[in-house]
Amino acid sequence: MAYTGFGLVCALSGTPLFHMGGAPASPVLSWAIVGVGVSAAAASGGVTRYGRLPAVRVLLWIACVLAGFAAFGLLMDVVTLMFGQGVDSAPTAANHALAATGCLLLATTARVARGRGVATVAAAPPAPSAAARSVQLAACAGTVAFLPYVAMKLVRVSGGTFAGVSGEQMLAVSEHNGASGIWLTLESWGLDGTVLPAALGVFLLWGLVRPWGQVYPRWTPWLRGRRVPRGFPLVPALVGAATLAPYGVLGAGYLALAGVVTMGPGDFPSTGDALLVGWIGMVAFGVYGFALIAAIRSYWIRTRPVPVA
């Protein structure tokens, strides 16, 4: 109901909540938020009134998926705020946060609806275990996919030029675009706001596939030996997968149309240079996003509580 009210206020006031090609889309699209909110409220009310009917659970999952689409871009908002930069649009960022919250609540409601009426059984967390070999190979692929991106950064920080742009030129571009002081300082060291989250993302990926992602290892003071809360790695992993996997696929599809769609060079000397950097980024995000999906599924299954007498 709160999300419906938010969308209604934005739609009636003409506040755009979506962007296309870097420009605000028509405020008419804000009515889609109202539709998602109404469907979510109706499905949740159906659970309260009718219990665990299959049709009600289907409506819950449909509303959950729609809310997930509306939350696309939340990860980018978090990254920019982490480095002291303002978001492009406060209403858009609020929409991402509200939609992500609704997505989690709807998924929880759907699972509770499935289990209603079933006798409760005592359960205990399973013993720590590693993911299957295929999932660990996917994690390897998700890690290796970032190596060209790291190489590009190392070339620039060492004083070289990659895709026609040096580290000094990239720093000047960021300063011209109004980057924060933290961002500019990292750029001067050869880093930016995507390198550090990428390193944390790889750490998260391996935490999902290795036993130390279930029980804090010995190198974590004060926490060693304790169970890792199940949702602690799953929530950021779900946000990352829901953002990076479609971002990589859609971005790669757009780059594949370079011969059909006219593309500008942007901040690079030529379109070819822009395409080279674009492919490096899209492949890294896409492969990592799908590796994260496989790791999430494995972690969810391996950490599922087991019944005990």
C-alpha atoms as a PDB file:
ATOM      1  CA  MET A   1       0.000   0.000   0.000  1.00  0.00           C
ATOM      2  CA  ALA A   2       2.885   2.366   0.770  1.00  0.00           C
ATOM      3  CA  TYR A   3       4.476   1.572  -2.606  1.00  0.00           C
ATOM      4  CA  THR A   4       1.163   2.225  -4.351  1.00  0.00           C
ATOM      5  CA  GLY A   5       0.923   5.599  -2.630  1.00  0.00           C
ATOM      6  CA  PHE A   6       4.498   6.455  -3.605  1.00  0.00           C
ATOM      7  CA  GLY A   7       3.823   5.638  -7.250  1.00  0.00           C
ATOM      8  CA  LEU A   8       0.548   7.568  -7.202  1.00  0.00           C
ATOM      9  CA  VAL A   9       2.222  10.714  -5.857  1.00  0.00           C
ATOM     10  CA  CYS A  10       4.976  10.508  -8.501  1.00  0.00           C
ATOM     11  CA  ALA A  11       2.506   9.849 -11.318  1.00  0.00           C
ATOM     12  CA  LEU A  12       0.172  12.718 -10.371  1.00  0.00           C
ATOM     13  CA  SER A  13       3.044  15.162  -9.816  1.00  0.00           C
ATOM     14  CA  GLY A  14       4.737  14.239 -13.112  1.00  0.00           C
ATOM     15  CA  THR A  15       7.895  12.907 -11.419  1.00  0.00           C
ATOM     16  CA  PRO A  16       9.769  10.477 -13.711  1.00  0.00           C
ATOM     17  CA  LEU A  17      10.935   7.272 -12.029  1.00  0.00           C
ATOM     18  CA  PHE A  18      12.625   5.666 -15.019  1.00  0.00           C
ATOM     19  CA  HIS A  19      15.448   6.708 -17.313  1.00  0.00           C
ATOM     20  CA  MET A  20      16.112   5.733 -20.908  1.00  0.00           C
ATOM     21  CA  GLY A  21      19.400   6.474 -22.616  1.00  0.00           C
ATOM     22  CA  GLY A  22      20.533   8.660 -19.727  1.00  0.00           C
ATOM     23  CA  ALA A  23      17.484  10.942 -19.961  1.00  0.00           C
ATOM     24  CA  PRO A  24      14.335  10.846 -17.792  1.00  0.00           C
ATOM     25  CA  ALA A  25      11.543   8.774 -19.345  1.00  0.00           C
ATOM     26  CA  SER A  26       7.956   9.880 -19.587  1.00  0.00           C
ATOM     27  CA  PRO A  27       6.267  10.365 -16.182  1.00  0.00           C
ATOM     28  CA  VAL A  28       3.389   8.285 -17.548  1.00  0.00           C
ATOM     29  CA  LEU A  29       5.528   5.199 -16.857  1.00  0.00           C
ATOM     30  CA  SER A  30       5.248   5.991 -13.145  1.00  0.00           C
ATOM     31  CA  TRP A  31       1.730   4.531 -13.313  1.00  0.00           C
ATOM     32  CA  ALA A  32       3.427   1.136 -13.728  1.00  0.00           C
ATOM     33  CA  ILE A  33       4.612   1.500 -10.119  1.00  0.00           C
ATOM     34  CA  VAL A  34       1.016   1.993  -9.046  1.00  0.00           C
ATOM     35  CA  GLY A  35       0.087  -1.217 -10.860  1.00  0.00           C
ATOM     36  CA  VAL A  36       2.873  -3.189  -9.157  1.00  0.00           C
ATOM     37  CA  GLY A  37       1.840  -1.843  -5.753  1.00  0.00           C
ATOM     38  CA  VAL A  38      -1.825  -2.668  -6.290  1.00  0.00           C
ATOM     39  CA  SER A  39      -1.032  -6.221  -7.453  1.00  0.00           C
ATOM     40  CA  ALA A  40       1.275  -6.780  -4.478  1.00  0.00           C
ATOM     41  CA  ALA A  41      -1.310  -5.481  -1.994  1.00  0.00           C
ATOM     42  CA  ALA A  42      -4.050  -7.609  -3.575  1.00  0.00           C
ATOM     43  CA  ALA A  43      -1.920 -10.761  -3.517  1.00  0.00           C
ATOM     44  CA  SER A  44      -0.860 -10.190   0.100  1.00  0.00           C
ATOM     45  CA  GLY A  45      -4.459  -9.539   1.090  1.00  0.00           C
ATOM     46  CA  GLY A  46      -5.427 -12.775  -0.642  1.00  0.00           C
ATOM     47  CA  VAL A  47      -3.007 -14.696   1.564  1.00  0.00           C
ATOM     48  CA  THR A  48      -4.540 -13.138   4.676  1.00  0.00           C
ATOM     49  CA  ARG A  49      -8.083 -13.925   3.521  1.00  0.00           C
ATOM     50  CA  TYR A  50      -7.789 -17.236   1.676  1.00  0.00           C
ATOM     51  CA  GLY A  51      -4.582 -18.823   2.972  1.00  0.00           C
ATOM     52  CA  ARG A  52      -2.278 -20.943   0.826  1.00  0.00           C
ATOM     53  CA  LEU A  53      -4.285 -21.255  -2.360  1.00  0.00           C
ATOM     54  CA  PRO A  54      -2.048 -22.004  -5.382  1.00  0.00           C
ATOM     55  CA  ALA A  55      -3.514 -19.095  -7.359  1.00  0.00           C
ATOM     56  CA  VAL A  56      -2.686 -16.655  -4.562  1.00  0.00           C
ATOM     57  CA  ARG A  57       0.921 -17.873  -4.420  1.00  0.00           C
ATOM     58  CA  VAL A  58       1.228 -17.434  -8.181  1.00  0.00           C
ATOM     59  CA  LEU A  59       0.064 -13.825  -7.828  1.00  0.00           C
ATOM     60  CA  LEU A  60       2.599 -13.286  -5.046  1.00  0.00           C
ATOM     61  CA  TRP A  61       5.481 -14.525  -7.183  1.00  0.00           C
ATOM     62  CA  ILE A  62       4.334 -12.438 -10.165  1.00  0.00           C
ATOM     63  CA  ALA A  63       4.264  -9.319  -7.985  1.00  0.00           C
ATOM     64  CA  CYS A  64       7.675 -10.306  -6.581  1.00  0.00           C
ATOM     65  CA  VAL A  65       9.211 -10.543 -10.062  1.00  0.00           C
ATOM     66  CA  LEU A  66       7.685  -7.195 -11.091  1.00  0.00           C
ATOM     67  CA  ALA A  67       9.070  -5.570  -7.947  1.00  0.00           C
ATOM     68  CA  GLY A  68      12.468  -7.065  -8.749  1.00  0.00           C
ATOM     69  CA  PHE A  69      12.411  -5.422 -12.189  1.00  0.00           C
ATOM     70  CA  ALA A  70      11.448  -2.102 -10.599  1.00  0.00           C
ATOM     71  CA  ALA A  71      14.419  -2.402  -8.209  1.00  0.00           C
ATOM     72  CA  PHE A  72      16.917  -2.601 -11.086  1.00  0.00           C
ATOM     73  CA  GLY A  73      19.675  -0.068 -10.496  1.00  0.00           C
ATOM     74  CA  LEU A  74      19.739  -0.312  -6.698  1.00  0.00           C
ATOM     75  CA  LEU A  75      23.328  -1.597  -6.743  1.00  0.00           C
ATOM     76  CA  MET A  76      24.488   1.447  -8.743  1.00  0.00           C
ATOM     77  CA  ASP A  77      22.790   3.745  -6.228  1.00  0.00           C
ATOM     78  CA  VAL A  78      24.543   2.006  -3.334  1.00  0.00           C
ATOM     79  CA  VAL A  79      27.954   2.244  -5.041  1.00  0.00           C
ATOM     80  CA  THR A  80      27.608   5.978  -5.749  1.00  0.00           C
ATOM     81  CA  LEU A  81      26.467   6.699  -2.191  1.00  0.00           C
ATOM     82  CA  MET A  82      29.352   4.652  -0.768  1.00  0.00           C
ATOM     83  CA  PHE A  83      31.830   7.006  -2.427  1.00  0.00           C
ATOM     84  CA  GLY A  84      30.147  10.241  -1.404  1.00  0.00           C
ATOM     85  CA  GLN A  85      28.423  10.939  -4.693  1.00  0.00           C
ATOM     86  CA  GLY A  86      24.795  11.902  -4.985  1.00  0.00           C
ATOM     87  CA  VAL A  87      22.378   9.751  -6.942  1.00  0.00           C
ATOM     88  CA  ASP A  88      21.094  11.027 -10.284  1.00  0.00           C
ATOM     89  CA  SER A  89      17.501  11.186  -9.005  1.00  0.00           C
ATOM     90  CA  ALA A  90      16.299  10.894  -5.407  1.00  0.00           C
ATOM     91  CA  PRO A  91      12.786   9.648  -6.396  1.00  0.00           C
ATOM     92  CA  THR A  92      14.354   7.002  -8.658  1.00  0.00           C
ATOM     93  CA  ALA A  93      16.680   5.831  -5.892  1.00  0.00           C
ATOM     94  CA  ALA A  94      13.736   5.717  -3.459  1.00  0.00           C
ATOM     95  CA  ASN A  95      11.816   3.620  -5.996  1.00  0.00           C
ATOM     96  CA  HIS A  96      14.716   1.155  -6.231  1.00  0.00           C
ATOM     97  CA  ALA A  97      14.942   0.802  -2.434  1.00  0.00           C
ATOM     98  CA  LEU A  98      11.178   0.431  -1.931  1.00  0.00           C
ATOM     99  CA  ALA A  99      10.864  -2.083  -4.768  1.00  0.00           C
ATOM    100  CA  ALA A 100      13.753  -4.185  -3.416  1.00  0.00           C
ATOM    101  CA  THR A 101      12.170  -4.198   0.048  1.00  0.00           C
ATOM    102  CA  GLY A 102       8.834  -5.222  -1.441  1.00  0.00           C
ATOM    103  CA  CYS A 103      10.491  -7.975  -3.474  1.00  0.00           C
ATOM    104  CA  LEU A 104      11.996  -9.528  -0.324  1.00  0.00           C
ATOM    105  CA  LEU A 105       8.720  -9.214   1.616  1.00  0.00           C
ATOM    106  CA  LEU A 106       6.694 -10.754  -1.207  1.00  0.00           C
ATOM    107  CA  ALA A 107       9.112 -13.674  -1.558  1.00  0.00           C
ATOM    108  CA  THR A 108       8.936 -14.269   2.200  1.00  0.00           C
ATOM    109  CA  THR A 109       5.145 -14.095   2.145  1.00  0.00           C
ATOM    110  CA  ALA A 110       4.989 -16.592  -0.719  1.00  0.00           C
ATOM    111  CA  ARG A 111       7.158 -19.071   1.178  1.00  0.00           C
ATOM    112  CA  VAL A 112       5.146 -18.620   4.395  1.00  0.00           C
ATOM    113  CA  ALA A 113       1.955 -19.158   2.415  1.00  0.00           C
ATOM    114  CA  ARG A 114       3.339 -22.426   1.091  1.00  0.00           C
ATOM    115  CA  GLY A 115       4.163 -23.670   4.566  1.00  0.00           C
ATOM    116  CA  ARG A 116       0.929 -22.599   6.296  1.00  0.00           C
ATOM    117  CA  GLY A 117      -0.921 -25.420   7.975  1.00  0.00           C
ATOM    118  CA  VAL A 118       2.103 -27.732   8.088  1.00  0.00           C
ATOM    119  CA  ALA A 119       3.209 -29.020  11.487  1.00  0.00           C
ATOM    120  CA  THR A 120       6.412 -27.352  12.635  1.00  0.00           C
ATOM    121  CA  VAL A 121       9.469 -29.555  13.177  1.00  0.00           C
ATOM    122  CA  ALA A 122      12.631 -28.684  15.055  1.00  0.00           C
ATOM    123  CA  ALA A 123      15.429 -27.882  12.627  1.00  0.00           C
ATOM    124  CA  ALA A 124      19.160 -27.340  12.888  1.00  0.00           C
ATOM    125  CA  PRO A 125      21.670 -25.805  10.471  1.00  0.00           C
ATOM    126  CA  PRO A 126      23.599 -28.391   8.446  1.00  0.00           C
ATOM    127  CA  ALA A 127      27.336 -28.933   8.674  1.00  0.00           C
ATOM    128  CA  PRO A 128      29.446 -26.542   6.563  1.00  0.00           C
ATOM    129  CA  SER A 129      30.107 -27.858   3.089  1.00  0.00           C
ATOM    130  CA  ALA A 130      31.554 -26.724  -0.211  1.00  0.00           C
ATOM    131  CA  ALA A 131      29.505 -26.275  -3.354  1.00  0.00           C
ATOM    132  CA  ALA A 132      29.497 -28.835  -6.140  1.00  0.00           C
ATOM    133  CA  ARG A 133      32.445 -28.844  -8.523  1.00  0.00           C
ATOM    134  CA  SER A 134      30.359 -27.325 -11.337  1.00  0.00           C
ATOM    135  CA  VAL A 135      29.355 -24.395  -9.112  1.00  0.00           C
ATOM    136  CA  GLN A 136      32.960 -23.815  -8.072  1.00  0.00           C
ATOM    137  CA  LEU A 137      33.974 -23.810 -11.739  1.00  0.00           C
ATOM    138  CA  ALA A 138      31.285 -21.164 -12.319  1.00  0.00           C
ATOM    139  CA  ALA A 139      32.832 -19.146  -9.468  1.00  0.00           C
ATOM    140  CA  CYS A 140      36.206 -19.476 -11.188  1.00  0.00           C
ATOM    141  CA  ALA A 141      34.674 -18.180 -14.414  1.00  0.00           C
ATOM    142  CA  GLY A 142      33.093 -15.258 -12.568  1.00  0.00           C
ATOM    143  CA  THR A 143      36.486 -14.389 -11.067  1.00  0.00           C
ATOM    144  CA  VAL A 144      38.479 -14.760 -14.280  1.00  0.00           C
ATOM    145  CA  ALA A 145      35.958 -12.563 -16.119  1.00  0.00           C
ATOM    146  CA  PHE A 146      37.284  -9.566 -14.146  1.00  0.00           C
ATOM    147  CA  LEU A 147      40.941 -10.128 -15.118  1.00  0.00           C
ATOM    148  CA  PRO A 148      40.779  -8.022 -18.344  1.00  0.00           C
ATOM    149  CA  TYR A 149      39.159  -5.246 -16.324  1.00  0.00           C
ATOM    150  CA  VAL A 150      41.952  -5.420 -13.727  1.00  0.00           C
ATOM    151  CA  ALA A 151      44.568  -5.442 -16.506  1.00  0.00           C
ATOM    152  CA  MET A 152      43.035  -2.292 -18.000  1.00  0.00           C
ATOM    153  CA  LYS A 153      43.279  -0.521 -14.633  1.00  0.00           C
ATOM    154  CA  LEU A 154      46.871  -1.700 -14.062  1.00  0.00           C
ATOM    155  CA  VAL A 155      47.955  -0.358 -17.449  1.00  0.00           C
ATOM    156  CA  ARG A 156      46.540   3.059 -16.634  1.00  0.00           C
ATOM    157  CA  VAL A 157      47.892   3.242 -13.084  1.00  0.00           C
ATOM    158  CA  SER A 158      51.375   2.329 -14.368  1.00  0.00           C
ATOM    159  CA  GLY A 159      51.320   5.352 -16.680  1.00  0.00           C
ATOM    160  CA  GLY A 160      50.230   3.575 -19.842  1.00  0.00           C
ATOM    161  CA  THR A 161      47.290   4.134 -22.171  1.00  0.00           C
ATOM    162  CA  PHE A 162      44.429   1.721 -22.734  1.00  0.00           C
ATOM    163  CA  ALA A 163      41.797   2.210 -25.446  1.00  0.00           C
ATOM    164  CA  GLY A 164      43.320   5.598 -26.215  1.00  0.00           C
ATOM    165  CA  VAL A 165      42.840   6.961 -22.693  1.00  0.00           C
ATOM    166  CA  SER A 166      45.493   7.346 -20.000  1.00  0.00           C
ATOM    167  CA  GLY A 167      44.989   7.405 -16.257  1.00  0.00           C
ATOM    168  CA  GLU A 168      45.431  11.195 -16.178  1.00  0.00           C
ATOM    169  CA  GLN A 169      42.803  11.667 -18.878  1.00  0.00           C
ATOM    170  CA  MET A 170      40.339   9.412 -17.072  1.00  0.00           C
ATOM    171  CA  LEU A 171      40.902  11.401 -13.867  1.00  0.00           C
ATOM    172  CA  ALA A 172      40.221  14.637 -15.745  1.00  0.00           C
ATOM    173  CA  VAL A 173      36.997  13.201 -17.177  1.00  0.00           C
ATOM    174  CA  SER A 174      35.798  12.146 -13.728  1.00  0.00           C
ATOM    175  CA  GLU A 175      36.589  15.593 -12.324  1.00  0.00           C
ATOM    176  CA  HIS A 176      34.725  17.246 -15.208  1.00  0.00           C
ATOM    177  CA  ASN A 177      31.700  15.016 -14.531  1.00  0.00           C
ATOM    178  CA  GLY A 178      31.535  16.183 -10.909  1.00  0.00           C
ATOM    179  CA  ALA A 179      32.945  13.119  -9.145  1.00  0.00           C
ATOM    180  CA  SER A 180      33.345  13.291  -5.356  1.00  0.00           C
ATOM    181  CA  GLY A 181      36.660  13.798  -3.577  1.00  0.00           C
ATOM    182  CA  ILE A 182      36.785  10.150  -2.501  1.00  0.00           C
ATOM    183  CA  TRP A 183      36.216   8.989  -6.070  1.00  0.00           C
ATOM    184  CA  LEU A 184      38.926  11.331  -7.443  1.00  0.00           C
ATOM    185  CA  THR A 185      41.409  10.189  -4.785  1.00  0.00           C
ATOM    186  CA  LEU A 186      40.854   6.548  -5.730  1.00  0.00           C
ATOM    187  CA  GLU A 187      41.144   7.444  -9.421  1.00  0.00           C
ATOM    188  CA  SER A 188      44.538   9.043  -8.722  1.00  0.00           C
ATOM    189  CA  TRP A 189      45.624   5.695  -7.251  1.00  0.00           C
ATOM    190  CA  GLY A 190      44.422   3.820 -10.327  1.00  0.00           C
ATOM    191  CA  LEU A 191      41.166   2.689  -8.743  1.00  0.00           C
ATOM    192  CA  ASP A 192      37.574   3.833  -9.095  1.00  0.00           C
ATOM    193  CA  GLY A 193      34.171   3.166  -7.617  1.00  0.00           C
ATOM    194  CA  THR A 194      33.805  -0.101  -9.510  1.00  0.00           C
ATOM    195  CA  VAL A 195      37.113  -1.788  -8.652  1.00  0.00           C
ATOM    196  CA  LEU A 196      36.606  -2.070  -4.892  1.00  0.00           C
ATOM    197  CA  PRO A 197      32.996  -3.351  -5.156  1.00  0.00           C
ATOM    198  CA  ALA A 198      34.227  -5.847  -7.766  1.00  0.00           C
ATOM    199  CA  ALA A 199      36.822  -7.151  -5.284  1.00  0.00           C
ATOM    200  CA  LEU A 200      34.163  -7.412  -2.578  1.00  0.00           C
ATOM    201  CA  GLY A 201      31.885  -9.144  -5.079  1.00  0.00           C
ATOM    202  CA  VAL A 202      34.485 -11.808  -5.818  1.00  0.00           C
ATOM    203  CA  PHE A 203      34.984 -12.303  -2.067  1.00  0.00           C
ATOM    204  CA  LEU A 204      31.209 -12.713  -1.672  1.00  0.00           C
ATOM    205  CA  LEU A 205      31.075 -15.174  -4.574  1.00  0.00           C
ATOM    206  CA  TRP A 206      33.662 -17.481  -2.991  1.00  0.00           C
ATOM    207  CA  GLY A 207      32.022 -17.151   0.397  1.00  0.00           C
ATOM    208  CA  LEU A 208      28.881 -18.641  -1.124  1.00  0.00           C
ATOM    209  CA  VAL A 209      30.673 -21.693  -2.502  1.00  0.00           C
ATOM    210  CA  ARG A 210      33.175 -22.435   0.275  1.00  0.00           C
ATOM    211  CA  PRO A 211      32.516 -23.710   3.831  1.00  0.00           C
ATOM    212  CA  TRP A 212      33.859 -20.496   5.423  1.00  0.00           C
ATOM    213  CA  GLY A 213      30.755 -18.767   4.066  1.00  0.00           C
ATOM    214  CA  GLN A 214      28.651 -20.771   6.542  1.00  0.00           C
ATOM    215  CA  VAL A 215      30.861 -20.619   9.648  1.00  0.00           C
ATOM    216  CA  TYR A 216      33.197 -17.706  10.341  1.00  0.00           C
ATOM    217  CA  PRO A 217      36.776 -18.922   9.741  1.00  0.00           C
ATOM    218  CA  ARG A 218      39.756 -18.641  12.090  1.00  0.00           C
ATOM    219  CA  TRP A 219      40.986 -15.370  10.559  1.00  0.00           C
ATOM    220  CA  THR A 220      37.856 -13.477  11.707  1.00  0.00           C
ATOM    221  CA  PRO A 221      38.501 -12.245  15.279  1.00  0.00           C
ATOM    222  CA  TRP A 222      35.646 -12.404  17.812  1.00  0.00           C
ATOM    223  CA  LEU A 223      33.458 -14.322  15.330  1.00  0.00           C
ATOM    224  CA  ARG A 224      35.486 -17.453  14.572  1.00  0.00           C
ATOM    225  CA  GLY A 225      33.480 -20.646  14.851  1.00  0.00           C
ATOM    226  CA  ARG A 226      30.078 -18.942  14.884  1.00  0.00           C
ATOM    227  CA  ARG A 227      27.424 -19.561  12.258  1.00  0.00           C
ATOM    228  CA  VAL A 228      27.082 -16.945   9.527  1.00  0.00           C
ATOM    229  CA  PRO A 229      23.450 -15.714   9.446  1.00  0.00           C
ATOM    230  CA  ARG A 230      21.902 -17.221   6.354  1.00  0.00           C
ATOM    231  CA  GLY A 231      20.590 -13.948   4.992  1.00  0.00           C
ATOM    232  CA  PHE A 232      23.861 -12.056   5.582  1.00  0.00           C
ATOM    233  CA  PRO A 233      25.484 -13.142   2.279  1.00  0.00           C
ATOM    234  CA  LEU A 234      22.255 -13.952   0.446  1.00  0.00           C
ATOM    235  CA  VAL A 235      20.690 -10.469   0.499  1.00  0.00           C
ATOM    236  CA  PRO A 236      23.624  -8.600  -1.133  1.00  0.00           C
ATOM    237  CA  ALA A 237      24.165 -11.542  -3.485  1.00  0.00           C
ATOM    238  CA  LEU A 238      20.550 -11.379  -4.658  1.00  0.00           C
ATOM    239  CA  VAL A 239      20.814  -7.614  -5.221  1.00  0.00           C
ATOM    240  CA  GLY A 240      24.040  -8.082  -7.163  1.00  0.00           C
ATOM    241  CA  ALA A 241      22.745 -10.941  -9.294  1.00  0.00           C
ATOM    242  CA  ALA A 242      19.460  -9.180 -10.082  1.00  0.00           C
ATOM    243  CA  THR A 243      21.419  -6.129 -11.256  1.00  0.00           C
ATOM    244  CA  LEU A 244      24.573  -7.429 -12.914  1.00  0.00           C
ATOM    245  CA  ALA A 245      23.241 -10.459 -14.813  1.00  0.00           C
ATOM    246  CA  PRO A 246      20.594  -8.528 -16.827  1.00  0.00           C
ATOM    247  CA  TYR A 247      22.911  -5.515 -17.077  1.00  0.00           C
ATOM    248  CA  GLY A 248      25.618  -7.639 -18.654  1.00  0.00           C
ATOM    249  CA  VAL A 249      23.218  -9.419 -21.026  1.00  0.00           C
ATOM    250  CA  LEU A 250      21.430  -6.262 -22.177  1.00  0.00           C
ATOM    251  CA  GLY A 251      24.706  -4.356 -22.448  1.00  0.00           C
ATOM    252  CA  ALA A 252      26.303  -7.111 -24.516  1.00  0.00           C
ATOM    253  CA  GLY A 253      23.245  -7.196 -26.774  1.00  0.00           C
ATOM    254  CA  TYR A 254      23.504  -3.439 -27.297  1.00  0.00           C
ATOM    255  CA  LEU A 255      27.229  -3.684 -28.107  1.00  0.00           C
ATOM    256  CA  ALA A 256      26.526  -6.530 -30.538  1.00  0.00           C
ATOM    257  CA  LEU A 257      24.326  -4.126 -32.524  1.00  0.00           C
ATOM    258  CA  ALA A 258      27.220  -1.714 -33.044  1.00  0.00           C
ATOM    259  CA  GLY A 259      27.104  -2.286 -36.786  1.00  0.00           C
ATOM    260  CA  VAL A 260      23.387  -1.517 -36.895  1.00  0.00           C
ATOM    261  CA  VAL A 261      22.945   1.159 -34.229  1.00  0.00           C
ATOM    262  CA  THR A 262      24.999   4.332 -34.421  1.00  0.00           C
ATOM    263  CA  MET A 263      27.214   4.550 -31.348  1.00  0.00           C
ATOM    264  CA  GLY A 264      29.229   7.562 -30.278  1.00  0.00           C
ATOM    265  CA  PRO A 265      32.755   7.330 -28.840  1.00  0.00           C
ATOM    266  CA  GLY A 266      31.771   9.033 -25.577  1.00  0.00           C
ATOM    267  CA  ASP A 267      34.920   9.855 -23.593  1.00  0.00           C
ATOM    268  CA  PHE A 268      37.144   7.746 -25.877  1.00  0.00           C
ATOM    269  CA  PRO A 269      39.032   8.751 -29.032  1.00  0.00           C
ATOM    270  CA  SER A 270      37.050   6.395 -31.303  1.00  0.00           C
ATOM    271  CA  THR A 271      34.021   4.152 -31.327  1.00  0.00           C
ATOM    272  CA  GLY A 272      36.298   1.116 -31.491  1.00  0.00           C
ATOM    273  CA  ASP A 273      37.959   2.113 -28.225  1.00  0.00           C
ATOM    274  CA  ALA A 274      34.566   2.609 -26.582  1.00  0.00           C
ATOM    275  CA  LEU A 275      33.450  -0.822 -27.801  1.00  0.00           C
ATOM    276  CA  LEU A 276      36.608  -2.477 -26.442  1.00  0.00           C
ATOM    277  CA  VAL A 277      36.083  -1.062 -22.949  1.00  0.00           C
ATOM    278  CA  GLY A 278      32.352  -1.785 -23.186  1.00  0.00           C
ATOM    279  CA  TRP A 279      32.908  -5.450 -23.999  1.00  0.00           C
ATOM    280  CA  ILE A 280      35.394  -5.817 -21.135  1.00  0.00           C
ATOM    281  CA  GLY A 281      32.836  -4.439 -18.696  1.00  0.00           C
ATOM    282  CA  MET A 282      29.766  -6.251 -20.021  1.00  0.00           C
ATOM    283  CA  VAL A 283      31.470  -9.657 -20.170  1.00  0.00           C
ATOM    284  CA  ALA A 284      32.780  -9.200 -16.627  1.00  0.00           C
ATOM    285  CA  PHE A 285      29.381  -8.155 -15.239  1.00  0.00           C
ATOM    286  CA  GLY A 286      27.399 -10.754 -17.173  1.00  0.00           C
ATOM    287  CA  VAL A 287      29.595 -13.775 -16.415  1.00  0.00           C
ATOM    288  CA  TYR A 288      29.920 -12.752 -12.775  1.00  0.00           C
ATOM    289  CA  GLY A 289      26.165 -12.200 -12.466  1.00  0.00           C
ATOM    290  CA  PHE A 290      25.308 -15.688 -13.703  1.00  0.00           C
ATOM    291  CA  ALA A 291      28.058 -17.242 -11.569  1.00  0.00           C
ATOM    292  CA  LEU A 292      26.498 -15.458  -8.608  1.00  0.00           C
ATOM    293  CA  ILE A 293      23.085 -16.937  -9.462  1.00  0.00           C
ATOM    294  CA  ALA A 294      24.557 -20.462  -9.451  1.00  0.00           C
ATOM    295  CA  ALA A 295      26.340 -19.767  -6.145  1.00  0.00           C
ATOM    296  CA  ILE A 296      23.157 -18.384  -4.555  1.00  0.00           C
ATOM    297  CA  ARG A 297      21.187 -21.486  -5.484  1.00  0.00           C
ATOM    298  CA  SER A 298      23.901 -23.768  -4.135  1.00  0.00           C
ATOM    299  CA  TYR A 299      24.243 -21.805  -0.891  1.00  0.00           C
ATOM    300  CA  TRP A 300      20.468 -21.773  -0.390  1.00  0.00           C
ATOM    301  CA  ILE A 301      20.287 -25.560  -0.724  1.00  0.00           C
ATOM    302  CA  ARG A 302      23.394 -26.296   1.359  1.00  0.00           C
ATOM    303  CA  THR A 303      22.324 -24.069   4.263  1.00  0.00           C
ATOM    304  CA  ARG A 304      18.714 -25.211   4.393  1.00  0.00           C
ATOM    305  CA  PRO A 305      17.908 -26.303   7.994  1.00  0.00           C
ATOM    306  CA  VAL A 306      17.510 -30.055   8.424  1.00  0.00           C
ATOM    307  CA  PRO A 307      14.815 -31.590  10.689  1.00  0.00           C
ATOM    308  CA  VAL A 308      16.013 -33.074  13.961  1.00  0.00           C
ATOM    309  CA  ALA A 309      14.316 -35.344  16.461  1.00  0.00           C
END
